[in-house]
């Protein structure tokens, strides 16, 4: 928000745009859209491609 209180108009617009983008990302996307999509996709959400299985270590907890 510091950019929004600058002296130049371009800097103010950038600051307001950046603050808006962060607020939208934090509220709509990360709190609503991601959990909803994870619920819809179910087990496919945790699918690991075969080529990555070869590279990643197998850890059992």
PDB file of N, CA and C in Angstrom:
ATOM      1  N   UNK A   1       0.805  -1.205   0.000  1.00  0.00           N
ATOM      2  CA  UNK A   1       0.000   0.000   0.000  1.00  0.00           C
ATOM      3  C   UNK A   1       0.846   1.267   0.000  1.00  0.00           C
ATOM      4  N   UNK A   2       2.116   1.135   0.248  1.00  0.00           N
ATOM      5  CA  UNK A   2       2.987   2.307   0.248  1.00  0.00           C
ATOM      6  C   UNK A   2       3.010   2.960  -1.122  1.00  0.00           C
ATOM      7  N   UNK A   3       2.949   2.148  -2.178  1.00  0.00           N
ATOM      8  CA  UNK A   3       2.946   2.706  -3.526  1.00  0.00           C
ATOM      9  C   UNK A   3       1.725   3.588  -3.762  1.00  0.00           C
ATOM     10  N   UNK A   4       0.599   3.270  -3.147  1.00  0.00           N
ATOM     11  CA  UNK A   4      -0.637   4.020  -3.360  1.00  0.00           C
ATOM     12  C   UNK A   4      -0.545   5.447  -2.840  1.00  0.00           C
ATOM     13  N   UNK A   5       0.387   5.705  -1.936  1.00  0.00           N
ATOM     14  CA  UNK A   5       0.525   7.046  -1.373  1.00  0.00           C
ATOM     15  C   UNK A   5       1.686   7.818  -1.977  1.00  0.00           C
ATOM     16  N   UNK A   6       2.223   7.328  -3.092  1.00  0.00           N
ATOM     17  CA  UNK A   6       3.341   8.001  -3.756  1.00  0.00           C
ATOM     18  C   UNK A   6       2.895   9.294  -4.425  1.00  0.00           C
ATOM     19  N   UNK A   7       3.855  10.016  -4.962  1.00  0.00           N
ATOM     20  CA  UNK A   7       3.563  11.303  -5.588  1.00  0.00           C
ATOM     21  C   UNK A   7       3.154  11.166  -7.049  1.00  0.00           C
ATOM     22  N   UNK A   8       3.638  10.163  -7.740  1.00  0.00           N
ATOM     23  CA  UNK A   8       3.356  10.025  -9.161  1.00  0.00           C
ATOM     24  C   UNK A   8       2.123   9.162  -9.397  1.00  0.00           C
ATOM     25  N   UNK A   9       1.371   9.536 -10.422  1.00  0.00           N
ATOM     26  CA  UNK A   9       0.125   8.849 -10.734  1.00  0.00           C
ATOM     27  C   UNK A   9       0.363   7.393 -11.125  1.00  0.00           C
ATOM     28  N   UNK A  10       1.388   7.132 -11.914  1.00  0.00           N
ATOM     29  CA  UNK A  10       1.690   5.764 -12.355  1.00  0.00           C
ATOM     30  C   UNK A  10       1.989   4.872 -11.149  1.00  0.00           C
ATOM     31  N   UNK A  11       2.757   5.392 -10.206  1.00  0.00           N
ATOM     32  CA  UNK A  11       3.102   4.619  -9.010  1.00  0.00           C
ATOM     33  C   UNK A  11       1.849   4.342  -8.182  1.00  0.00           C
ATOM     34  N   UNK A  12       0.962   5.314  -8.070  1.00  0.00           N
ATOM     35  CA  UNK A  12      -0.292   5.115  -7.332  1.00  0.00           C
ATOM     36  C   UNK A  12      -1.144   4.024  -7.979  1.00  0.00           C
ATOM     37  N   UNK A  13      -1.255   4.075  -9.310  1.00  0.00           N
ATOM     38  CA  UNK A  13      -2.037   3.063 -10.016  1.00  0.00           C
ATOM     39  C   UNK A  13      -1.431   1.674  -9.828  1.00  0.00           C
ATOM     40  N   UNK A  14      -0.120   1.592  -9.890  1.00  0.00           N
ATOM     41  CA  UNK A  14       0.559   0.317  -9.684  1.00  0.00           C
ATOM     42  C   UNK A  14       0.299  -0.202  -8.275  1.00  0.00           C
ATOM     43  N   UNK A  15       0.381   0.669  -7.289  1.00  0.00           N
ATOM     44  CA  UNK A  15       0.154   0.264  -5.901  1.00  0.00           C
ATOM     45  C   UNK A  15      -1.254  -0.228  -5.656  1.00  0.00           C
ATOM     46  N   UNK A  16      -2.229   0.479  -6.190  1.00  0.00           N
ATOM     47  CA  UNK A  16      -3.618   0.070  -6.012  1.00  0.00           C
ATOM     48  C   UNK A  16      -3.888  -1.236  -6.757  1.00  0.00           C
ATOM     49  N   UNK A  17      -3.345  -1.364  -7.955  1.00  0.00           N
ATOM     50  CA  UNK A  17      -3.511  -2.603  -8.720  1.00  0.00           C
ATOM     51  C   UNK A  17      -2.866  -3.789  -8.034  1.00  0.00           C
ATOM     52  N   UNK A  18      -1.674  -3.587  -7.492  1.00  0.00           N
ATOM     53  CA  UNK A  18      -0.971  -4.667  -6.799  1.00  0.00           C
ATOM     54  C   UNK A  18      -1.725  -5.086  -5.540  1.00  0.00           C
ATOM     55  N   UNK A  19      -2.203  -4.116  -4.772  1.00  0.00           N
ATOM     56  CA  UNK A  19      -2.956  -4.431  -3.557  1.00  0.00           C
ATOM     57  C   UNK A  19      -4.250  -5.173  -3.888  1.00  0.00           C
ATOM     58  N   UNK A  20      -4.914  -4.770  -4.955  1.00  0.00           N
ATOM     59  CA  UNK A  20      -6.141  -5.444  -5.379  1.00  0.00           C
ATOM     60  C   UNK A  20      -5.856  -6.876  -5.820  1.00  0.00           C
ATOM     61  N   UNK A  21      -4.790  -7.054  -6.587  1.00  0.00           N
ATOM     62  CA  UNK A  21      -4.432  -8.395  -7.058  1.00  0.00           C
ATOM     63  C   UNK A  21      -4.100  -9.325  -5.898  1.00  0.00           C
ATOM     64  N   UNK A  22      -3.386  -8.831  -4.914  1.00  0.00           N
ATOM     65  CA  UNK A  22      -3.037  -9.650  -3.749  1.00  0.00           C
ATOM     66  C   UNK A  22      -4.289 -10.000  -2.953  1.00  0.00           C
ATOM     67  N   UNK A  23      -5.189  -9.046  -2.787  1.00  0.00           N
ATOM     68  CA  UNK A  23      -6.422  -9.301  -2.038  1.00  0.00           C
ATOM     69  C   UNK A  23      -7.305 -10.326  -2.748  1.00  0.00           C
ATOM     70  N   UNK A  24      -7.434 -10.201  -4.063  1.00  0.00           N
ATOM     71  CA  UNK A  24      -8.240 -11.155  -4.828  1.00  0.00           C
ATOM     72  C   UNK A  24      -7.612 -12.542  -4.770  1.00  0.00           C
ATOM     73  N   UNK A  25      -6.294 -12.616  -4.914  1.00  0.00           N
ATOM     74  CA  UNK A  25      -5.607 -13.906  -4.860  1.00  0.00           C
ATOM     75  C   UNK A  25      -5.782 -14.558  -3.496  1.00  0.00           C
ATOM     76  N   UNK A  26      -5.631 -13.785  -2.447  1.00  0.00           N
ATOM     77  CA  UNK A  26      -5.704 -14.347  -1.096  1.00  0.00           C
ATOM     78  C   UNK A  26      -7.123 -14.784  -0.734  1.00  0.00           C
ATOM     79  N   UNK A  27      -8.127 -14.042  -1.166  1.00  0.00           N
ATOM     80  CA  UNK A  27      -9.492 -14.379  -0.762  1.00  0.00           C
ATOM     81  C   UNK A  27     -10.174 -15.327  -1.734  1.00  0.00           C
ATOM     82  N   UNK A  28     -10.299 -14.925  -2.963  1.00  0.00           N
ATOM     83  CA  UNK A  28     -11.075 -15.729  -3.904  1.00  0.00           C
ATOM     84  C   UNK A  28     -10.357 -16.995  -4.345  1.00  0.00           C
ATOM     85  N   UNK A  29      -9.123 -16.868  -4.725  1.00  0.00           N
ATOM     86  CA  UNK A  29      -8.437 -18.018  -5.310  1.00  0.00           C
ATOM     87  C   UNK A  29      -7.986 -19.005  -4.252  1.00  0.00           C
ATOM     88  N   UNK A  30      -7.249 -18.553  -3.262  1.00  0.00           N
ATOM     89  CA  UNK A  30      -6.667 -19.490  -2.296  1.00  0.00           C
ATOM     90  C   UNK A  30      -7.655 -19.982  -1.247  1.00  0.00           C
ATOM     91  N   UNK A  31      -8.677 -19.197  -0.920  1.00  0.00           N
ATOM     92  CA  UNK A  31      -9.615 -19.620   0.118  1.00  0.00           C
ATOM     93  C   UNK A  31     -10.870 -20.289  -0.437  1.00  0.00           C
ATOM     94  N   UNK A  32     -11.206 -20.016  -1.692  1.00  0.00           N
ATOM     95  CA  UNK A  32     -12.448 -20.555  -2.246  1.00  0.00           C
ATOM     96  C   UNK A  32     -12.185 -21.501  -3.415  1.00  0.00           C
ATOM     97  N   UNK A  33     -11.476 -21.038  -4.423  1.00  0.00           N
ATOM     98  CA  UNK A  33     -11.320 -21.811  -5.649  1.00  0.00           C
ATOM     99  C   UNK A  33     -10.455 -23.057  -5.466  1.00  0.00           C
ATOM    100  N   UNK A  34      -9.323 -22.934  -4.812  1.00  0.00           N
ATOM    101  CA  UNK A  34      -8.420 -24.088  -4.649  1.00  0.00           C
ATOM    102  C   UNK A  34      -9.068 -25.210  -3.830  1.00  0.00           C
ATOM    103  N   UNK A  35      -9.641 -24.940  -2.656  1.00  0.00           N
ATOM    104  CA  UNK A  35     -10.287 -26.040  -1.925  1.00  0.00           C
ATOM    105  C   UNK A  35     -11.463 -26.662  -2.689  1.00  0.00           C
ATOM    106  N   UNK A  36     -12.221 -25.842  -3.418  1.00  0.00           N
ATOM    107  CA  UNK A  36     -13.347 -26.378  -4.188  1.00  0.00           C
ATOM    108  C   UNK A  36     -12.857 -27.305  -5.292  1.00  0.00           C
ATOM    109  N   UNK A  37     -11.810 -26.905  -6.003  1.00  0.00           N
ATOM    110  CA  UNK A  37     -11.267 -27.756  -7.061  1.00  0.00           C
ATOM    111  C   UNK A  37     -10.642 -29.025  -6.496  1.00  0.00           C
ATOM    112  N   UNK A  38      -9.987 -28.921  -5.353  1.00  0.00           N
ATOM    113  CA  UNK A  38      -9.412 -30.115  -4.733  1.00  0.00           C
ATOM    114  C   UNK A  38     -10.509 -31.103  -4.347  1.00  0.00           C
ATOM    115  N   UNK A  39     -11.627 -30.606  -3.882  1.00  0.00           N
ATOM    116  CA  UNK A  39     -12.753 -31.473  -3.531  1.00  0.00           C
ATOM    117  C   UNK A  39     -13.333 -32.136  -4.776  1.00  0.00           C
ATOM    118  N   UNK A  40     -13.455 -31.376  -5.858  1.00  0.00           N
ATOM    119  CA  UNK A  40     -14.002 -31.933  -7.091  1.00  0.00           C
ATOM    120  C   UNK A  40     -13.090 -32.986  -7.701  1.00  0.00           C
ATOM    121  N   UNK A  41     -11.803 -32.759  -7.703  1.00  0.00           N
ATOM    122  CA  UNK A  41     -10.847 -33.667  -8.340  1.00  0.00           C
ATOM    123  C   UNK A  41     -10.597 -34.921  -7.516  1.00  0.00           C
ATOM    124  N   UNK A  42     -10.818 -34.870  -6.230  1.00  0.00           N
ATOM    125  CA  UNK A  42     -10.665 -36.049  -5.379  1.00  0.00           C
ATOM    126  C   UNK A  42      -9.264 -36.629  -5.420  1.00  0.00           C
ATOM    127  N   UNK A  43      -9.159 -37.932  -5.710  1.00  0.00           N
ATOM    128  CA  UNK A  43      -7.857 -38.603  -5.721  1.00  0.00           C
ATOM    129  C   UNK A  43      -6.970 -38.131  -6.868  1.00  0.00           C
ATOM    130  N   UNK A  44      -7.552 -37.661  -7.948  1.00  0.00           N
ATOM    131  CA  UNK A  44      -6.757 -37.170  -9.077  1.00  0.00           C
ATOM    132  C   UNK A  44      -5.925 -35.956  -8.672  1.00  0.00           C
ATOM    133  N   UNK A  45      -6.344 -35.279  -7.633  1.00  0.00           N
ATOM    134  CA  UNK A  45      -5.599 -34.128  -7.140  1.00  0.00           C
ATOM    135  C   UNK A  45      -4.226 -34.527  -6.618  1.00  0.00           C
ATOM    136  N   UNK A  46      -4.094 -35.751  -6.136  1.00  0.00           N
ATOM    137  CA  UNK A  46      -2.845 -36.212  -5.537  1.00  0.00           C
ATOM    138  C   UNK A  46      -2.085 -37.172  -6.441  1.00  0.00           C
ATOM    139  N   UNK A  47      -2.427 -37.243  -7.699  1.00  0.00           N
ATOM    140  CA  UNK A  47      -1.796 -38.138  -8.658  1.00  0.00           C
ATOM    141  C   UNK A  47      -0.371 -37.683  -8.941  1.00  0.00           C
ATOM    142  N   UNK A  48       0.539 -38.635  -8.980  1.00  0.00           N
ATOM    143  CA  UNK A  48       1.942 -38.351  -9.264  1.00  0.00           C
ATOM    144  C   UNK A  48       2.312 -38.978 -10.601  1.00  0.00           C
ATOM    145  N   UNK A  49       2.827 -38.193 -11.546  1.00  0.00           N
ATOM    146  CA  UNK A  49       3.215 -38.756 -12.841  1.00  0.00           C
ATOM    147  C   UNK A  49       4.280 -39.839 -12.681  1.00  0.00           C
ATOM    148  N   UNK A  50       4.250 -40.839 -13.563  1.00  0.00           N
ATOM    149  CA  UNK A  50       5.165 -41.981 -13.484  1.00  0.00           C
ATOM    150  C   UNK A  50       6.627 -41.550 -13.546  1.00  0.00           C
ATOM    151  N   UNK A  51       6.963 -40.590 -14.402  1.00  0.00           N
ATOM    152  CA  UNK A  51       8.370 -40.194 -14.527  1.00  0.00           C
ATOM    153  C   UNK A  51       8.899 -39.541 -13.252  1.00  0.00           C
ATOM    154  N   UNK A  52       8.032 -38.893 -12.488  1.00  0.00           N
ATOM    155  CA  UNK A  52       8.473 -38.316 -11.223  1.00  0.00           C
ATOM    156  C   UNK A  52       8.650 -39.379 -10.153  1.00  0.00           C
ATOM    157  N   UNK A  53       7.881 -40.459 -10.253  1.00  0.00           N
ATOM    158  CA  UNK A  53       8.013 -41.548  -9.280  1.00  0.00           C
ATOM    159  C   UNK A  53       9.417 -42.134  -9.288  1.00  0.00           C
ATOM    160  N   UNK A  54      10.045 -42.166 -10.461  1.00  0.00           N
ATOM    161  CA  UNK A  54      11.399 -42.719 -10.562  1.00  0.00           C
ATOM    162  C   UNK A  54      12.422 -41.824  -9.877  1.00  0.00           C
ATOM    163  N   UNK A  55      12.212 -40.521  -9.933  1.00  0.00           N
ATOM    164  CA  UNK A  55      13.199 -39.571  -9.408  1.00  0.00           C
ATOM    165  C   UNK A  55      13.040 -39.305  -7.918  1.00  0.00           C
ATOM    166  N   UNK A  56      11.813 -39.338  -7.435  1.00  0.00           N
ATOM    167  CA  UNK A  56      11.561 -38.994  -6.038  1.00  0.00           C
ATOM    168  C   UNK A  56      11.798 -40.194  -5.131  1.00  0.00           C
ATOM    169  N   UNK A  57      12.355 -39.953  -3.960  1.00  0.00           N
ATOM    170  CA  UNK A  57      12.570 -41.075  -3.037  1.00  0.00           C
ATOM    171  C   UNK A  57      11.244 -41.542  -2.438  1.00  0.00           C
ATOM    172  N   UNK A  58      11.179 -42.807  -2.108  1.00  0.00           N
ATOM    173  CA  UNK A  58       9.985 -43.361  -1.461  1.00  0.00           C
ATOM    174  C   UNK A  58      10.158 -43.239   0.050  1.00  0.00           C
ATOM    175  N   UNK A  59       9.297 -42.458   0.663  1.00  0.00           N
ATOM    176  CA  UNK A  59       9.368 -42.212   2.101  1.00  0.00           C
ATOM    177  C   UNK A  59       8.105 -42.765   2.746  1.00  0.00           C
ATOM    178  N   UNK A  60       8.269 -43.593   3.741  1.00  0.00           N
ATOM    179  CA  UNK A  60       7.124 -44.137   4.474  1.00  0.00           C
ATOM    180  C   UNK A  60       7.136 -43.567   5.883  1.00  0.00           C
ATOM    181  N   UNK A  61       6.001 -43.060   6.276  1.00  0.00           N
ATOM    182  CA  UNK A  61       5.892 -42.457   7.607  1.00  0.00           C
ATOM    183  C   UNK A  61       4.999 -43.315   8.464  1.00  0.00           C
TER     184      UNK A  61
END
